[in-house]
Amino acid sequence: MSVDDDISDVQQRLLDFYGIHVEPEMGRYVLRRLAQAGSALRELPVMGGNARTGLPVRLLIDPSRIVTPSVVS
C-alpha cells in the first residue's frame, strides 16, 4: 500500500468511527503519530469538520479504533 492509500484509509476510518472529515494533512499527522508512539499512544488530538454540519471540531480520539495492519507497518 502506498502512503496516499494509507492516508485515505485513515480519513475513511475517522469518518466511519467519529463522523469527522479530515484533510490529507491531518491524515499524515495521524499516521506520523501512530508510527512514532505506537501502542503507547492513549489519546490523539484530531481536528476536522463534522461530516453532517461542516462545523470545525477538535476531538481526542482513541487511536486503537483507527489502527489497521497497513497503518502500523
Protein backbone atom coordinates (compact mmCIF):
# COMPACT_ATOMS: atom_id res chain seq x y z
CA MET A 1 0.00 0.00 0.00
CA SER A 2 1.24 3.48 -0.76
CA VAL A 3 1.30 6.39 1.66
CA ASP A 4 -1.62 8.01 -0.18
CA ASP A 5 -3.66 4.83 0.28
CA ASP A 6 -2.82 4.81 3.99
CA ILE A 7 -3.88 8.45 4.31
CA SER A 8 -7.16 7.71 2.52
CA ASP A 9 -7.72 4.73 4.81
CA VAL A 10 -7.18 6.87 7.93
CA GLN A 11 -9.51 9.55 6.56
CA GLN A 12 -12.21 6.95 5.90
CA ARG A 13 -11.83 5.38 9.33
CA LEU A 14 -12.14 8.78 11.05
CA LEU A 15 -15.27 9.43 9.05
CA ASP A 16 -16.75 5.99 9.80
CA PHE A 17 -15.94 5.85 13.53
CA TYR A 18 -16.13 9.50 14.58
CA GLY A 19 -18.04 11.35 11.85
CA ILE A 20 -15.08 13.66 11.21
CA HIS A 21 -13.97 14.71 7.75
CA VAL A 22 -10.23 15.45 7.76
CA GLU A 23 -7.91 16.82 5.12
CA PRO A 24 -4.88 14.82 3.89
CA GLU A 25 -2.56 16.89 6.12
CA MET A 26 -4.38 15.67 9.24
CA GLY A 27 -4.28 12.11 7.88
CA ARG A 28 -0.49 12.42 7.54
CA TYR A 29 -0.25 13.77 11.10
CA VAL A 30 -2.26 10.81 12.45
CA LEU A 31 -0.06 8.33 10.57
CA ARG A 32 3.11 10.02 11.87
CA ARG A 33 1.89 9.98 15.47
CA LEU A 34 0.87 6.33 15.23
CA ALA A 35 4.27 5.41 13.79
CA GLN A 36 6.14 7.36 16.49
CA ALA A 37 4.22 6.31 19.58
CA GLY A 38 2.63 3.03 18.50
CA SER A 39 0.64 1.28 21.21
CA ALA A 40 1.84 3.73 23.90
CA LEU A 41 -0.46 6.41 22.48
CA ARG A 42 -3.69 6.63 24.51
CA GLU A 43 -5.30 9.75 23.04
CA LEU A 44 -4.75 11.52 19.76
CA PRO A 45 -6.00 15.06 19.06
CA VAL A 46 -7.70 15.35 15.69
CA MET A 47 -9.12 18.44 14.02
CA GLY A 48 -11.53 18.31 11.14
CA GLY A 49 -15.08 19.06 10.16
CA ASN A 50 -18.28 17.46 11.36
CA ALA A 51 -19.45 15.34 8.43
CA ARG A 52 -23.10 16.38 8.85
CA THR A 53 -22.84 20.07 9.64
CA GLY A 54 -19.39 21.03 8.39
CA LEU A 55 -18.62 22.79 11.66
CA PRO A 56 -14.99 22.58 12.80
CA VAL A 57 -14.34 20.08 15.56
CA ARG A 58 -11.39 19.02 17.68
CA LEU A 59 -11.59 15.66 19.40
CA LEU A 60 -9.31 13.44 21.43
CA ILE A 61 -9.78 10.03 19.85
CA ASP A 62 -8.79 6.51 20.81
CA PRO A 63 -6.09 5.57 18.27
CA SER A 64 -6.78 1.85 18.63
CA ARG A 65 -10.07 2.33 16.77
CA ILE A 66 -8.36 3.53 13.59
CA VAL A 67 -5.27 1.31 13.59
CA THR A 68 -5.02 -1.22 10.79
CA PRO A 69 -2.08 -3.50 9.97
CA SER A 70 -1.17 -1.31 6.99
CA VAL A 71 -1.17 1.85 9.11
CA VAL A 72 1.18 0.45 11.75
CA SER A 73 3.74 -1.12 9.40
